[in-house]
Amino acid sequence: GYDDRIRALLAFSQFVIVGLIGLFIYVGYRVKIKQSKR
C-alpha cells in the first residue's frame, strides 16, 4: 500500500545518503594520502 511505498523510499534514500557519505569520505581520504606523500 501507500505506507509500504513511503517506507521503501525512506530506506532507499537512507541507503543512498550513506553510500554518498562513504564515497565522499573515501575520496577525501585518498586525496589526503596523495597530498601527504608529496
N, C-alpha and C. Protein backbone atom coordinates (compact mmCIF):
# COMPACT_ATOMS: atom_id res chain seq x y z
N GLY A 1 0.82 -1.21 0.00
CA GLY A 1 0.00 0.00 0.00
C GLY A 1 0.85 1.26 0.00
N TYR A 2 0.20 2.36 0.34
CA TYR A 2 0.85 3.67 0.34
C TYR A 2 1.96 3.74 1.38
N ASP A 3 1.67 3.22 2.58
CA ASP A 3 2.63 3.25 3.68
C ASP A 3 3.91 2.49 3.32
N ASP A 4 3.74 1.33 2.71
CA ASP A 4 4.90 0.50 2.35
C ASP A 4 5.80 1.23 1.34
N ARG A 5 5.15 1.96 0.44
CA ARG A 5 5.92 2.66 -0.59
C ARG A 5 6.79 3.75 0.05
N ILE A 6 6.21 4.47 1.00
CA ILE A 6 6.95 5.53 1.69
C ILE A 6 8.10 4.92 2.48
N ARG A 7 7.82 3.81 3.15
CA ARG A 7 8.86 3.15 3.96
C ARG A 7 10.00 2.69 3.06
N ALA A 8 9.67 2.14 1.90
CA ALA A 8 10.69 1.67 0.97
C ALA A 8 11.51 2.85 0.45
N LEU A 9 10.83 3.95 0.17
CA LEU A 9 11.51 5.14 -0.34
C LEU A 9 12.46 5.70 0.71
N LEU A 10 12.02 5.73 1.96
CA LEU A 10 12.86 6.22 3.05
C LEU A 10 14.09 5.34 3.21
N ALA A 11 13.89 4.02 3.17
CA ALA A 11 15.01 3.09 3.33
C ALA A 11 15.99 3.27 2.18
N PHE A 12 15.46 3.45 0.96
CA PHE A 12 16.32 3.62 -0.21
C PHE A 12 17.11 4.92 -0.13
N SER A 13 16.43 6.01 0.26
CA SER A 13 17.11 7.30 0.35
C SER A 13 18.19 7.26 1.43
N GLN A 14 17.90 6.56 2.53
CA GLN A 14 18.90 6.43 3.60
C GLN A 14 20.13 5.69 3.08
N PHE A 15 19.88 4.62 2.30
CA PHE A 15 20.97 3.83 1.74
C PHE A 15 21.82 4.68 0.79
N VAL A 16 21.15 5.48 -0.04
CA VAL A 16 21.86 6.34 -0.99
C VAL A 16 22.71 7.38 -0.26
N ILE A 17 22.11 7.98 0.79
CA ILE A 17 22.83 9.01 1.56
C ILE A 17 24.07 8.41 2.22
N VAL A 18 23.90 7.24 2.83
CA VAL A 18 25.04 6.58 3.49
C VAL A 18 26.12 6.26 2.47
N GLY A 19 25.71 5.80 1.29
CA GLY A 19 26.66 5.47 0.24
C GLY A 19 27.43 6.70 -0.23
N LEU A 20 26.71 7.81 -0.39
CA LEU A 20 27.37 9.05 -0.83
C LEU A 20 28.36 9.54 0.21
N ILE A 21 27.95 9.48 1.48
CA ILE A 21 28.85 9.92 2.56
C ILE A 21 30.10 9.04 2.59
N GLY A 22 29.90 7.73 2.45
CA GLY A 22 31.02 6.80 2.46
C GLY A 22 31.97 7.07 1.30
N LEU A 23 31.40 7.33 0.13
CA LEU A 23 32.21 7.62 -1.05
C LEU A 23 32.99 8.92 -0.86
N PHE A 24 32.31 9.93 -0.29
CA PHE A 24 32.95 11.23 -0.05
C PHE A 24 34.13 11.09 0.90
N ILE A 25 33.92 10.33 1.99
CA ILE A 25 34.99 10.11 2.97
C ILE A 25 36.15 9.34 2.32
N TYR A 26 35.81 8.32 1.51
CA TYR A 26 36.83 7.51 0.85
C TYR A 26 37.69 8.37 -0.09
N VAL A 27 37.03 9.19 -0.90
CA VAL A 27 37.75 10.04 -1.85
C VAL A 27 38.61 11.06 -1.10
N GLY A 28 38.04 11.67 -0.05
CA GLY A 28 38.78 12.64 0.74
C GLY A 28 40.00 12.01 1.38
N TYR A 29 39.83 10.77 1.84
CA TYR A 29 40.94 10.04 2.48
C TYR A 29 42.05 9.77 1.47
N ARG A 30 41.65 9.36 0.27
CA ARG A 30 42.63 9.08 -0.79
C ARG A 30 43.39 10.34 -1.17
N VAL A 31 42.67 11.45 -1.30
CA VAL A 31 43.29 12.73 -1.68
C VAL A 31 44.27 13.16 -0.59
N LYS A 32 43.87 12.97 0.67
CA LYS A 32 44.74 13.35 1.79
C LYS A 32 46.05 12.57 1.73
N ILE A 33 45.96 11.27 1.45
CA ILE A 33 47.15 10.42 1.38
C ILE A 33 48.06 10.89 0.23
N LYS A 34 47.45 11.19 -0.91
CA LYS A 34 48.24 11.64 -2.06
C LYS A 34 48.97 12.93 -1.74
N GLN A 35 48.30 13.87 -1.07
CA GLN A 35 48.91 15.15 -0.74
C GLN A 35 50.02 14.98 0.28
N SER A 36 49.83 14.10 1.25
CA SER A 36 50.83 13.92 2.32
C SER A 36 52.09 13.24 1.78
N LYS A 37 51.96 12.46 0.70
CA LYS A 37 53.13 11.79 0.13
C LYS A 37 54.06 12.80 -0.55
N ARG A 38 53.50 13.91 -1.02
CA ARG A 38 54.31 14.97 -1.61
C ARG A 38 54.98 15.71 -0.47
